[in-house]
Protein backbone atom coordinates (compact mmCIF):
# COMPACT_ATOMS: atom_id res chain seq x y z
CA UNK A 1 7.38 5.98 -26.14
CA UNK A 2 4.92 3.17 -25.39
CA UNK A 3 2.01 3.71 -23.07
CA UNK A 4 3.49 1.34 -20.48
CA UNK A 5 6.85 3.07 -20.57
CA UNK A 6 5.21 6.47 -20.16
CA UNK A 7 3.20 5.26 -17.16
CA UNK A 8 6.36 3.90 -15.60
CA UNK A 9 8.17 7.22 -15.91
CA UNK A 10 5.16 9.14 -14.71
CA UNK A 11 4.42 6.99 -11.68
CA UNK A 12 8.04 6.85 -10.63
CA UNK A 13 7.87 10.50 -9.59
CA UNK A 14 4.41 10.41 -8.02
CA UNK A 15 4.02 11.24 -4.35
CA UNK A 16 7.75 11.46 -3.69
CA UNK A 17 6.94 13.05 -0.37
CA UNK A 18 5.94 9.72 1.17
CA UNK A 19 3.14 7.43 2.09
CA UNK A 20 -0.17 8.34 3.68
CA UNK A 21 -3.87 7.73 4.48
CA UNK A 22 -7.52 9.17 4.33
CA UNK A 23 -11.13 9.27 5.59
CA UNK A 24 -13.82 6.80 5.22
CA UNK A 25 -17.26 6.90 3.67
CA UNK A 26 -17.12 10.65 3.25
CA UNK A 27 -16.03 13.15 0.67
CA UNK A 28 -13.08 15.50 1.18
CA UNK A 29 -15.57 18.16 2.26
CA UNK A 30 -16.94 15.94 4.99
CA UNK A 31 -13.57 15.64 6.70
CA UNK A 32 -12.69 19.32 6.37
CA UNK A 33 -14.71 20.43 9.36
CA UNK A 34 -12.34 23.30 10.00
CA UNK A 35 -12.43 24.87 6.54
CA UNK A 36 -14.43 27.87 7.69
CA UNK A 37 -11.63 28.71 10.12
CA UNK A 38 -8.83 28.35 7.58
CA UNK A 39 -7.68 30.89 4.98
CA UNK A 40 -8.67 29.75 1.50
CA UNK A 41 -6.34 30.06 -1.47
CA UNK A 42 -7.54 32.32 -4.26
CA UNK A 43 -9.21 30.48 -7.13
CA UNK A 44 -8.16 31.53 -10.61
CA UNK A 45 -10.72 32.19 -13.32
CA UNK A 46 -10.50 29.98 -16.44
CA UNK A 47 -8.02 31.24 -18.99
CA UNK A 48 -9.83 33.66 -21.29
CA UNK A 49 -10.73 32.87 -24.89
CA UNK A 50 -10.06 29.15 -24.68
CA UNK A 51 -11.59 27.04 -27.42
CA UNK A 52 -13.91 24.22 -26.27
CA UNK A 53 -11.16 21.56 -26.43
CA UNK A 54 -8.62 23.49 -24.38
CA UNK A 55 -11.36 24.52 -21.95
CA UNK A 56 -12.18 20.87 -21.22
CA UNK A 57 -8.48 20.07 -20.84
CA UNK A 58 -7.99 22.89 -18.34
CA UNK A 59 -11.15 21.83 -16.50
CA UNK A 60 -9.76 18.30 -16.05
CA UNK A 61 -6.48 19.70 -14.74
CA UNK A 62 -8.42 21.81 -12.21
CA UNK A 63 -10.71 18.98 -11.06
CA UNK A 64 -8.57 18.24 -8.01
CA UNK A 65 -10.03 21.46 -6.57
CA UNK A 66 -13.84 21.45 -6.66
CA UNK A 67 -14.17 25.23 -6.30
CA UNK A 68 -11.74 25.91 -9.13
CA UNK A 69 -13.31 23.29 -11.42
CA UNK A 70 -16.79 24.74 -10.90
CA UNK A 71 -15.64 27.97 -12.58
CA UNK A 72 -15.55 26.10 -15.91
CA UNK A 73 -19.24 25.13 -15.79
CA UNK A 74 -22.39 26.90 -16.86
CA UNK A 75 -24.78 27.89 -14.09
CA UNK A 76 -27.05 24.99 -15.01
CA UNK A 77 -24.20 22.47 -14.96
CA UNK A 78 -23.04 23.59 -11.53
CA UNK A 79 -26.38 22.65 -10.03
CA UNK A 80 -26.01 18.96 -10.84
CA UNK A 81 -22.25 18.50 -10.75
CA UNK A 82 -20.79 16.71 -7.74
CA UNK A 83 -17.37 18.33 -7.59
CA UNK A 84 -16.58 16.69 -4.28
CA UNK A 85 -17.08 13.11 -5.41
CA UNK A 86 -14.09 10.84 -4.80
CA UNK A 87 -11.86 11.23 -7.86
CA UNK A 88 -10.85 8.78 -10.51
CA UNK A 89 -7.14 9.23 -11.21
CA UNK A 90 -6.11 9.23 -14.86
CA UNK A 91 -2.90 9.49 -16.85
CA UNK A 92 -1.74 12.99 -17.69
CA UNK A 93 -1.90 11.99 -21.38
CA UNK A 94 -5.67 12.40 -21.80
CA UNK A 95 -7.14 13.78 -25.05
CA UNK A 96 -9.94 16.14 -26.08
CA UNK A 97 -10.97 15.57 -29.71
CA UNK A 98 -13.92 16.43 -31.99
CA UNK A 99 -16.83 14.10 -32.54
CA UNK A 100 -16.21 12.03 -35.68
CA UNK A 101 -19.70 12.42 -37.16
CA UNK A 102 -21.43 15.27 -35.33
CA UNK A 103 -25.22 15.22 -35.30
CA UNK A 104 -27.24 18.34 -36.14
CA UNK A 105 -27.83 20.70 -33.22
CA UNK A 106 -31.21 19.91 -31.62
CA UNK A 107 -31.16 22.52 -28.86
CA UNK A 108 -33.79 25.14 -29.86
CA UNK A 109 -31.86 27.81 -27.92
CA UNK A 110 -28.51 27.10 -29.57
CA UNK A 111 -26.90 27.19 -32.98
CA UNK A 112 -24.03 25.16 -34.35
CA UNK A 113 -21.81 28.13 -33.53
CA UNK A 114 -22.48 28.26 -29.78
CA UNK A 115 -22.73 24.56 -28.84
CA UNK A 116 -19.85 22.11 -29.28
CA UNK A 117 -19.38 18.47 -28.32
CA UNK A 118 -15.89 17.52 -27.11
CA UNK A 119 -14.91 13.86 -26.84
CA UNK A 120 -12.86 13.34 -23.66
CA UNK A 121 -10.56 10.30 -23.82
CA UNK A 122 -8.97 9.23 -20.52
CA UNK A 123 -6.96 6.28 -19.21
CA UNK A 124 -7.75 5.71 -15.51
CA UNK A 125 -5.08 4.15 -13.29
CA UNK A 126 -7.41 3.85 -10.31
CA UNK A 127 -9.76 5.72 -8.05
CA UNK A 128 -10.27 6.73 -4.46
CA UNK A 129 -12.94 4.62 -2.83
CA UNK A 130 -15.53 5.82 -0.37
CA UNK A 131 -12.88 5.18 2.30
CA UNK A 132 -10.37 7.30 0.36
CA UNK A 133 -7.98 4.44 -0.13
CA UNK A 134 -6.58 4.06 -3.63
CA UNK A 135 -8.08 1.25 -5.71
CA UNK A 136 -6.01 0.36 -8.80
CA UNK A 137 -7.86 -0.10 -12.10
CA UNK A 138 -7.06 0.24 -15.79
CA UNK A 139 -9.79 0.92 -18.34
CA UNK A 140 -9.71 3.40 -21.24
CA UNK A 141 -12.88 5.49 -21.40
CA UNK A 142 -14.56 8.11 -23.61
CA UNK A 143 -17.13 10.76 -22.71
CA UNK A 144 -19.03 13.34 -24.73
CA UNK A 145 -18.80 16.75 -23.06
CA UNK A 146 -21.17 19.49 -24.23
CA UNK A 147 -19.63 22.99 -24.21
CA UNK A 148 -21.75 26.13 -24.65
CA UNK A 149 -20.68 29.65 -25.58
CA UNK A 150 -21.79 32.25 -23.00
CA UNK A 151 -23.13 35.76 -23.72
CA UNK A 152 -19.67 37.21 -22.98
CA UNK A 153 -18.19 35.00 -25.72
CA UNK A 154 -16.47 32.58 -23.33
CA UNK A 155 -17.07 28.83 -23.58
CA UNK A 156 -18.29 26.92 -20.53
CA UNK A 157 -19.07 23.24 -19.95
CA UNK A 158 -22.79 22.47 -20.03
CA UNK A 159 -22.63 18.71 -19.36
CA UNK A 160 -19.48 17.65 -17.51
CA UNK A 161 -18.53 13.97 -17.10
CA UNK A 162 -20.42 12.27 -14.29
CA UNK A 163 -17.07 11.00 -12.95
CA UNK A 164 -14.56 13.44 -11.48
CA UNK A 165 -11.32 12.76 -13.37
CA UNK A 166 -8.07 14.06 -11.89
CA UNK A 167 -4.74 13.62 -13.73
CA UNK A 168 -1.98 12.03 -11.67
CA UNK A 169 0.16 15.14 -11.47
CA UNK A 170 -2.80 17.25 -10.33
CA UNK A 171 -3.83 14.58 -7.83
CA UNK A 172 -0.38 14.84 -6.32
CA UNK A 173 -0.87 18.58 -5.87
CA UNK A 174 -4.41 18.37 -4.54
CA UNK A 175 -4.16 15.39 -2.17
CA UNK A 176 -1.79 14.49 0.63
CA UNK A 177 -0.77 10.90 1.23
CA UNK A 178 -1.02 9.99 4.92
CA UNK A 179 -0.72 6.77 6.92
CA UNK A 180 -3.13 6.05 9.71
CA UNK A 181 -2.53 3.20 12.15
CA UNK A 182 -4.56 0.35 13.55
CA UNK A 183 -3.57 -2.91 15.25
CA UNK A 184 -3.20 -6.54 14.24
CA UNK A 185 -5.85 -8.99 15.55
CA UNK A 186 -3.74 -9.67 18.67
CA UNK A 187 -3.47 -5.94 19.46
CA UNK A 188 0.30 -6.34 19.58
CA UNK A 189 1.58 -4.70 16.40
CA UNK A 190 0.58 -1.42 14.77
CA UNK A 191 -0.53 -1.76 11.14
CA UNK A 192 -0.25 1.13 8.65
CA UNK A 193 -3.24 1.90 6.42
CA UNK A 194 -2.50 4.11 3.42
CA UNK A 195 -5.08 6.80 2.51
CA UNK A 196 -5.30 10.26 0.87
CA UNK A 197 -6.69 13.54 2.22
CA UNK A 198 -7.16 16.89 0.53
CA UNK A 199 -3.97 18.94 0.84
CA UNK A 200 -5.58 22.34 1.44
CA UNK A 201 -5.97 24.12 3.74
CA UNK A 202 -2.68 23.00 5.27
CA UNK A 203 -3.64 24.09 8.79
CA UNK A 204 -6.55 21.66 8.71
CA UNK A 205 -4.48 18.58 7.91
CA UNK A 206 -4.28 17.28 11.52
CA UNK A 207 -8.06 17.43 11.87
CA UNK A 208 -8.58 15.64 8.57
CA UNK A 209 -6.13 12.91 9.50
CA UNK A 210 -7.78 12.35 12.89
CA UNK A 211 -11.20 12.20 11.23
CA UNK A 212 -9.90 9.57 8.83
CA UNK A 213 -8.39 7.58 11.68
CA UNK A 214 -11.64 7.67 13.65
CA UNK A 215 -13.67 6.60 10.61
CA UNK A 216 -12.02 3.19 10.83
CA UNK A 217 -9.82 1.00 8.63
CA UNK A 218 -10.04 1.08 4.86
CA UNK A 219 -12.55 -1.31 3.31
CA UNK A 220 -9.93 -3.87 2.31
CA UNK A 221 -8.41 -3.91 5.81
CA UNK A 222 -11.59 -3.68 7.86
CA UNK A 223 -11.69 -7.39 8.68
CA UNK A 224 -7.92 -7.75 9.08
CA UNK A 225 -7.15 -5.20 11.80
CA UNK A 226 -8.58 -3.88 15.05
CA UNK A 227 -8.97 -0.34 16.35
CA UNK A 228 -9.10 0.56 20.06
CA UNK A 229 -10.54 3.87 18.82
CA UNK A 230 -13.74 2.24 17.60
CA UNK A 231 -16.79 4.12 18.88
CA UNK A 232 -14.75 7.13 20.01
CA UNK A 233 -15.27 10.63 18.59
CA UNK A 234 -13.94 14.14 19.13
CA UNK A 235 -15.44 17.11 20.91
CA UNK A 236 -13.72 19.64 18.64
CA UNK A 237 -11.39 19.81 15.67
CA UNK A 238 -7.70 19.37 16.34
CA UNK A 239 -6.70 22.89 17.39
CA UNK A 240 -3.50 24.51 18.60
CA UNK A 241 -3.08 25.97 22.07
CA UNK A 242 -1.33 29.36 22.29
CA UNK A 243 1.95 27.52 22.97
CA UNK A 244 1.61 25.62 19.68
CA UNK A 245 0.60 22.28 21.19
CA UNK A 246 -2.08 20.49 19.14
CA UNK A 247 -5.01 19.35 21.26
CA UNK A 248 -6.88 16.15 20.34
CA UNK A 249 -9.99 16.17 22.51
CA UNK A 250 -11.66 12.73 22.48
CA UNK A 251 -15.10 11.85 23.79
CA UNK A 252 -16.80 8.59 24.76
CA UNK A 253 -13.52 7.02 25.85
CA UNK A 254 -15.36 5.59 28.84
CA UNK A 255 -13.75 2.91 30.97
CA UNK A 256 -10.92 1.99 28.62
CA UNK A 257 -7.99 0.39 30.43
CA UNK A 258 -4.59 2.04 30.63
CA UNK A 259 -3.25 -0.42 28.03
CA UNK A 260 -6.09 0.47 25.64
CA UNK A 261 -5.48 4.18 26.20
CA UNK A 262 -1.80 3.70 25.41
CA UNK A 263 -2.81 1.97 22.19
CA UNK A 264 -5.14 4.86 21.36
CA UNK A 265 -2.31 7.32 22.00
CA UNK A 266 -0.08 5.30 19.66
CA UNK A 267 -2.70 5.38 16.90
CA UNK A 268 -3.07 9.15 17.11
CA UNK A 269 0.61 10.07 17.50
CA UNK A 270 1.76 7.73 14.71
CA UNK A 271 -1.00 8.89 12.37
CA UNK A 272 -0.15 12.57 12.87
CA UNK A 273 3.63 12.24 12.64
CA UNK A 274 3.80 13.07 8.92
CA UNK A 275 1.58 16.18 9.06
CA UNK A 276 2.85 17.96 12.18
CA UNK A 277 5.96 18.22 14.31
CA UNK A 278 4.10 19.87 17.20
CA UNK A 279 3.56 18.34 20.61
CA UNK A 280 0.21 16.59 20.96
CA UNK A 281 -2.07 17.00 23.96
CA UNK A 282 -4.35 14.00 24.18
CA UNK A 283 -7.52 14.36 26.21
CA UNK A 284 -10.31 11.90 26.88
CA UNK A 285 -13.69 12.86 28.32
CA UNK A 286 -12.31 16.17 29.61
CA UNK A 287 -9.16 14.80 31.25
CA UNK A 288 -5.69 13.70 30.19
CA UNK A 289 -6.11 10.53 28.14
CA UNK A 290 -3.58 8.87 30.43
CA UNK A 291 -3.38 10.40 33.93
CA UNK A 292 -0.02 12.05 34.49
CA UNK A 293 0.89 12.06 30.82
CA UNK A 294 -0.31 15.32 29.33
CA UNK A 295 1.70 15.91 26.15
CA UNK A 296 3.01 13.39 23.64
CA UNK A 297 5.72 13.03 21.06
CA UNK A 298 6.75 10.06 18.95
CA UNK A 299 9.48 9.09 21.42
CA UNK A 300 6.90 8.60 24.19
CA UNK A 301 5.42 5.54 22.49
CA UNK A 302 6.22 1.89 22.94
CA UNK A 303 7.88 0.30 19.91
CA UNK A 304 4.72 -1.37 18.67
CA UNK A 305 6.35 -2.21 15.34
CA UNK A 306 9.37 -3.93 16.94
CA UNK A 307 8.01 -7.47 16.38
CA UNK A 308 8.00 -6.82 12.62
CA UNK A 309 11.71 -5.93 12.44
CA UNK A 310 14.44 -8.57 12.52
CA UNK A 311 17.10 -7.89 15.15
CA UNK A 312 20.40 -6.50 13.99
CA UNK A 313 22.10 -9.79 14.94
CA UNK A 314 20.02 -11.60 12.28
CA UNK A 315 21.99 -10.92 9.06
CA UNK A 316 19.90 -13.15 6.83
CA UNK A 317 20.58 -16.53 5.23
CA UNK A 318 21.08 -17.95 1.78
CA UNK A 319 20.27 -21.35 0.27
CA UNK A 320 22.94 -22.70 -2.06
CA UNK A 321 23.55 -26.23 -3.33
CA UNK A 322 21.08 -27.69 -0.85
CA UNK A 323 22.59 -26.03 2.24
CA UNK A 324 22.00 -22.94 4.35
CA UNK A 325 24.72 -20.33 4.81
CA UNK A 326 24.91 -17.13 6.84
CA UNK A 327 25.03 -13.84 4.95
CA UNK A 328 27.24 -12.46 7.73
CA UNK A 329 30.29 -14.61 7.05
CA UNK A 330 29.33 -17.17 4.42
CA UNK A 331 29.65 -20.11 6.81
CA UNK A 332 27.29 -23.08 6.87
CA UNK A 333 24.71 -22.78 9.64
CA UNK A 334 24.64 -25.32 12.43
CA UNK A 335 22.46 -28.39 12.19
CA UNK A 336 20.95 -30.50 9.43
CA UNK A 337 20.10 -27.55 7.16
CA UNK A 338 23.75 -26.57 6.99
CA UNK A 339 25.58 -29.90 7.07
CA UNK A 340 23.76 -31.46 4.13
CA UNK A 341 21.48 -33.81 6.06
CA UNK A 342 18.52 -32.08 4.42
CA UNK A 343 18.66 -31.16 0.74
CA UNK A 344 17.25 -27.65 1.19
CA UNK A 345 15.42 -26.14 -1.79
CA UNK A 346 14.30 -22.93 -0.11
CA UNK A 347 13.70 -21.75 3.45
CA UNK A 348 12.46 -19.05 5.82
CA UNK A 349 13.65 -17.93 9.24
CA UNK A 350 11.20 -16.69 11.87
CA UNK A 351 11.38 -12.98 12.66
CA UNK A 352 12.92 -13.70 16.08
CA UNK A 353 15.57 -15.82 14.36
CA UNK A 354 14.93 -18.84 16.56
CA UNK A 355 13.06 -21.07 14.12
CA UNK A 356 13.38 -22.32 10.56
CA UNK A 357 10.97 -23.59 7.94
CA UNK A 358 12.52 -25.33 4.95
CA UNK A 359 11.28 -26.96 1.79
CA UNK A 360 13.56 -29.97 1.35
CA UNK A 361 13.94 -32.40 -1.52
CA UNK A 362 13.07 -36.06 -0.83
CA UNK A 363 12.64 -39.12 -3.01
CA UNK A 364 8.88 -38.54 -2.80
CA UNK A 365 9.17 -34.89 -3.80
CA UNK A 366 9.46 -31.61 -1.87
CA UNK A 367 8.45 -31.65 1.77
CA UNK A 368 8.06 -28.89 4.38
CA UNK A 369 10.04 -29.20 7.61
CA UNK A 370 9.84 -26.86 10.61
CA UNK A 371 11.96 -26.68 13.74
CA UNK A 372 14.28 -24.67 15.93
CA UNK A 373 17.21 -23.00 14.23
CA UNK A 374 20.16 -25.41 14.18
CA UNK A 375 18.11 -28.38 15.35
CA UNK A 376 16.14 -31.29 13.95
CA UNK A 377 13.06 -30.32 12.00
CA UNK A 378 9.67 -32.02 11.91
CA UNK A 379 8.08 -32.92 8.61
CA UNK A 380 4.63 -31.44 8.05
CA UNK A 381 1.80 -33.62 6.72
CA UNK A 382 1.84 -31.91 3.34
CA UNK A 383 2.50 -33.66 0.05
CA UNK A 384 3.01 -31.73 -3.17
CA UNK A 385 4.97 -31.68 -6.39
CA UNK A 386 5.98 -28.04 -5.87
CA UNK A 387 6.11 -25.63 -2.91
CA UNK A 388 6.94 -21.93 -2.74
CA UNK A 389 9.37 -20.35 -0.32
CA UNK A 390 7.81 -20.46 3.19
CA UNK A 391 6.84 -17.33 5.09
CA UNK A 392 6.32 -16.91 8.86
CA UNK A 393 3.48 -15.28 10.79
CA UNK A 394 4.63 -12.93 13.54
CA UNK A 395 4.38 -14.39 17.04
CA UNK A 396 1.46 -13.35 19.23
CA UNK A 397 3.77 -12.34 22.10
CA UNK A 398 7.39 -12.31 23.20
CA UNK A 399 6.78 -15.35 25.40
CA UNK A 400 5.09 -17.48 22.71
CA UNK A 401 7.16 -19.01 19.89
CA UNK A 402 5.91 -18.40 16.34
CA UNK A 403 3.22 -20.91 15.49
CA UNK A 404 2.27 -20.47 11.84
CA UNK A 405 4.10 -20.89 8.50
CA UNK A 406 2.59 -20.34 5.05
CA UNK A 407 3.48 -21.79 1.66
CA UNK A 408 1.78 -22.53 -1.65
CA UNK A 409 1.65 -26.26 -2.43
CA UNK A 410 0.63 -27.23 -5.97
CA UNK A 411 -1.22 -23.93 -6.29
CA UNK A 412 -3.04 -24.18 -2.94
CA UNK A 413 -2.29 -21.67 -0.21
CA UNK A 414 -1.51 -23.62 2.96
CA UNK A 415 -0.63 -22.68 6.52
CA UNK A 416 1.17 -25.07 8.84
CA UNK A 417 0.10 -24.45 12.45
CA UNK A 418 1.65 -25.64 15.67
CA UNK A 419 -0.42 -28.30 17.45
CA UNK A 420 -0.89 -28.77 21.18
CA UNK A 421 1.66 -31.60 21.31
CA UNK A 422 4.37 -29.53 19.67
CA UNK A 423 3.85 -30.90 16.17
CA UNK A 424 2.72 -29.14 13.00
CA UNK A 425 -0.43 -29.58 10.96
CA UNK A 426 -1.17 -28.27 7.45
CA UNK A 427 -4.47 -26.41 6.91
CA UNK A 428 -5.73 -24.89 3.69
CA UNK A 429 -6.25 -21.13 3.40
CA UNK A 430 -9.34 -19.99 1.53
CA UNK A 431 -7.80 -18.19 -1.46
CA UNK A 432 -10.75 -18.56 -3.83
CA UNK A 433 -10.82 -14.81 -4.55
CA UNK A 434 -7.35 -15.11 -6.10
CA UNK A 435 -8.33 -17.87 -8.52
CA UNK A 436 -8.80 -15.56 -11.50
CA UNK A 437 -5.23 -14.29 -11.17
CA UNK A 438 -3.82 -17.71 -11.99
CA UNK A 439 -1.37 -20.07 -10.24
CA UNK A 440 0.60 -18.46 -7.42
CA UNK A 441 4.36 -18.89 -7.76
CA UNK A 442 5.45 -16.67 -4.86
CA UNK A 443 3.74 -15.68 -1.58
CA UNK A 444 4.97 -13.47 1.24
CA UNK A 445 3.08 -12.56 4.41
CA UNK A 446 3.59 -9.02 5.62
CA UNK A 447 5.57 -9.04 8.85
CA UNK A 448 2.50 -7.88 10.78
CA UNK A 449 0.49 -10.79 9.34
CA UNK A 450 -2.40 -8.72 7.98
CA UNK A 451 -1.58 -8.80 4.26
CA UNK A 452 -0.12 -11.19 1.71
CA UNK A 453 1.73 -10.32 -1.48
CA UNK A 454 1.73 -12.85 -4.30
CA UNK A 455 3.08 -13.34 -7.79
CA UNK A 456 0.61 -15.04 -10.13
CA UNK A 457 1.26 -15.41 -13.86
CA UNK A 458 3.80 -12.63 -13.68
CA UNK A 459 1.34 -10.27 -12.01
CA UNK A 460 1.75 -8.68 -8.58
CA UNK A 461 -1.25 -9.11 -6.29
CA UNK A 462 -1.88 -8.01 -2.69
CA UNK A 463 -4.69 -9.42 -0.55
CA UNK A 464 -5.85 -8.95 3.03
CA UNK A 465 -5.56 -11.76 5.57
CA UNK A 466 -8.88 -12.30 7.33
CA UNK A 467 -9.14 -14.52 10.41
CA UNK A 468 -12.55 -15.77 11.48
CA UNK A 469 -12.42 -18.14 14.44
CA UNK A 470 -10.31 -21.06 13.18
CA UNK A 471 -10.55 -20.27 9.48
CA UNK A 472 -8.25 -17.99 7.50
CA UNK A 473 -8.89 -16.47 4.08
CA UNK A 474 -7.31 -14.08 1.60
CA UNK A 475 -9.76 -11.33 0.69
CA UNK A 476 -10.01 -8.25 -1.52
CA UNK A 477 -7.12 -9.05 -3.86
CA UNK A 478 -5.80 -6.07 -5.85
CA UNK A 479 -3.44 -6.25 -8.81
CA UNK A 480 -0.76 -3.58 -8.48
CA UNK A 481 0.72 -1.63 -11.39
CA UNK A 482 -1.10 -3.74 -14.01
CA UNK A 483 0.41 -1.86 -16.95
CA UNK A 484 4.00 -1.89 -15.77
CA UNK A 485 4.43 -5.14 -13.84
CA UNK A 486 3.69 -8.04 -16.19
CA UNK A 487 6.61 -10.45 -15.70
CA UNK A 488 7.16 -10.51 -11.94
CA UNK A 489 9.26 -13.37 -10.55
CA UNK A 490 9.57 -12.43 -6.87
CA UNK A 491 8.27 -10.11 -4.18
CA UNK A 492 9.08 -9.24 -0.57
CA UNK A 493 8.15 -6.70 2.11
CA UNK A 494 10.61 -3.84 2.55
CA UNK A 495 8.39 -2.51 5.36
CA UNK A 496 4.86 -3.12 6.58
CA UNK A 497 3.41 -1.06 3.73
CA UNK A 498 6.13 -1.13 1.06
CA UNK A 499 6.94 -3.90 -1.39
CA UNK A 500 9.90 -4.66 -3.60
CA UNK A 501 9.33 -6.70 -6.73
CA UNK A 502 11.71 -8.42 -9.15
CA UNK A 503 10.72 -8.95 -12.78
CA UNK A 504 12.11 -10.34 -16.02
CA UNK A 505 11.50 -6.96 -17.66
CA UNK A 506 14.64 -5.15 -18.73
CA UNK A 507 13.02 -1.75 -18.14
CA UNK A 508 12.31 -2.45 -14.45
CA UNK A 509 14.21 -5.46 -13.13
CA UNK A 510 13.68 -4.31 -9.53
CA UNK A 511 11.13 -1.79 -8.26
CA UNK A 512 9.65 -0.51 -5.01
CA UNK A 513 6.02 0.44 -4.50
CA UNK A 514 3.56 1.17 -1.69
CA UNK A 515 1.05 -1.48 -0.79
CA UNK A 516 -1.70 0.27 -2.77
CA UNK A 517 0.46 0.38 -5.91
CA UNK A 518 -0.11 4.05 -6.71
CA UNK A 519 3.52 4.97 -7.29
CA UNK A 520 6.47 3.00 -8.62
CA UNK A 521 10.17 3.62 -8.07
CA UNK A 522 12.62 1.71 -10.24
CA UNK A 523 16.03 0.66 -8.94
CA UNK A 524 19.12 1.35 -11.01
CA UNK A 525 19.88 -1.64 -13.23
CA UNK A 526 23.62 -0.91 -13.52
CA UNK A 527 25.86 -3.74 -12.27
CA UNK A 528 23.02 -6.27 -12.59
CA UNK A 529 23.25 -9.22 -14.96
CA UNK A 530 19.67 -9.82 -16.06
CA UNK A 531 17.38 -11.59 -15.61
CA UNK A 532 16.64 -11.40 -11.89
CA UNK A 533 15.72 -14.73 -10.29
CA UNK A 534 14.85 -13.91 -6.67
CA UNK A 535 14.55 -10.98 -4.26
CA UNK A 536 14.59 -10.42 -0.50
CA UNK A 537 13.96 -7.38 1.68
CA UNK A 538 13.35 -6.38 5.30
CA UNK A 539 13.09 -3.14 7.30
CA UNK A 540 16.38 -1.26 7.58
CA UNK A 541 18.19 -3.81 5.39
CA UNK A 542 19.65 -3.73 1.90
CA UNK A 543 17.48 -5.11 -0.87
CA UNK A 544 19.16 -8.29 -2.10
CA UNK A 545 18.66 -10.14 -5.39
CA UNK A 546 20.05 -13.05 -7.35
CA UNK A 547 20.70 -12.32 -11.00
CA UNK A 548 22.25 -14.51 -13.70
CA UNK A 549 25.75 -13.98 -12.30
CA UNK A 550 25.68 -13.53 -8.55
CA UNK A 551 23.86 -12.32 -5.44
CA UNK A 552 23.89 -8.52 -5.21
CA UNK A 553 22.60 -5.96 -2.72
CA UNK A 554 21.73 -2.27 -2.71
CA UNK A 555 20.81 0.19 0.10
CA UNK A 556 18.04 1.89 -1.88
CA UNK A 557 16.66 3.35 -5.08
CA UNK A 558 19.21 5.38 -7.02
CA UNK A 559 22.22 3.58 -5.56
CA UNK A 560 24.49 1.05 -7.21
CA UNK A 561 24.24 -2.70 -6.80
CA UNK A 562 27.26 -4.49 -5.39
CA UNK A 563 27.94 -8.22 -5.37
CA UNK A 564 27.39 -9.68 -1.91
CA UNK A 565 30.66 -11.14 -0.55
CA UNK A 566 28.84 -14.12 0.96
CA UNK A 567 26.07 -14.60 -1.59
CA UNK A 568 27.46 -17.99 -2.63
CA UNK A 569 26.42 -18.63 -6.26
CA UNK A 570 24.22 -17.41 -9.10
CA UNK A 571 21.66 -20.08 -8.16
CA UNK A 572 21.49 -19.03 -4.51
CA UNK A 573 18.28 -17.87 -2.82
CA UNK A 574 18.91 -15.22 -0.14
CA UNK A 575 16.32 -14.27 2.48
CA UNK A 576 15.81 -12.26 5.64
CA UNK A 577 13.79 -13.34 8.70
CA UNK A 578 10.06 -13.21 8.13
């Protein structure tokens, strides 16, 4: 089995329990303020009579638990080893091998029989940053690990690696994925931020999640989202009342408005939903956070994510032979995009369904037109030889129509913005940080507008959208699944923090992955006629693709693809609002 194939199989089963989030600028110990109050699991001694090579292997497998890993070190090594450093996550297929040409022993207190050098060979897939968000990275590494025989005849590590390596499978056991929530720049839509907290002790999980939430957004999202919780702390850990209600006791809430307090409540309740099913009692400065509302459950919140989800009466559209058709019944849509007036190459529908953006073919080349669904569409002042499928920014409110559309024109990321007179003007997005990834052939804004996913030279890249006054830039680009995804052709957002990607690779024609790229789930390829040409996704909708024979859809991973009855042709491009 090739290394890439092994990684694919391994990552496809990682973190099956779901997505999550973690603390910032602190180690796992720093967020476990309640550890002294929680029962600790017993720590096993190292297996007796291990040789130096197996000892180092077992040490690496135990490194997800600092207390357990320390048992493998000599007393001297424990003094300088930082067992609580944020881990680097490596493949389970690491090696411990002898030194090729060992040097003579120079330690005056040791002989060649009680001091051994073990070469540790690892393949990192990424690491947890200081904010405990996963940062993908691939780079094979080697380290010399000195192992010394103790007076009782047992080997112990005398010079451990300076980096704390944790194999993927052990990381899954030692850390819990959690999602903490912030808001988009308009404070209208909640935005998930994926992090990782230590899994034990289980009773302390709510406190650790709240501490992560209060520490602020992850580094890559810090300039893309806002937090009404900024500057607020807690008086105590999250503790349970005798009736089982979890109490979150905030301090320094001050003169926050009722709307801001409701947003704070949403952040806390949403962030804790995956680690507890208990009622939450939210307090601020010694009183109920919101007067008259003592206890909270998920159903008490406003639907802050509603603007990111197309309504059920928006079935999606498909471009075929220059025209737009409905995926509900296969009929041409009303207006110039459906009757052939415009030769449509590709298009996008706003999330509310009321507006269209279309790249149309003209004698001068492709041009971008924007307008109301079914009506005439204005041409944007944008000339290019090639344009990618457009993508809409979510509206700032229910009363304001969407006012921004993105595309990539001749390799330049461009946003068309609505002008005061009702027209549209093209402005360039600063995407200089993506230059090294190569030309962008596909770009999709997340439906909350805070991230962008792109395909560049067959690679899948995610960047954060940063707005600074009137300028917009793409920052902190991360390549996802760099070993496995090498021939991507399309990408879309299945949810605010989950992507689906289509590739020309027979081993993974369609896959789903979280926005940090840590795990990968591959869709069944049965009933598909490869290669895949395009892909579309949206919350609570089937994933839909165009292959070499037809347009097909599937409800989820592990289910069978079925040809869409109204997919038109094998050259069609289906899409959902967004």
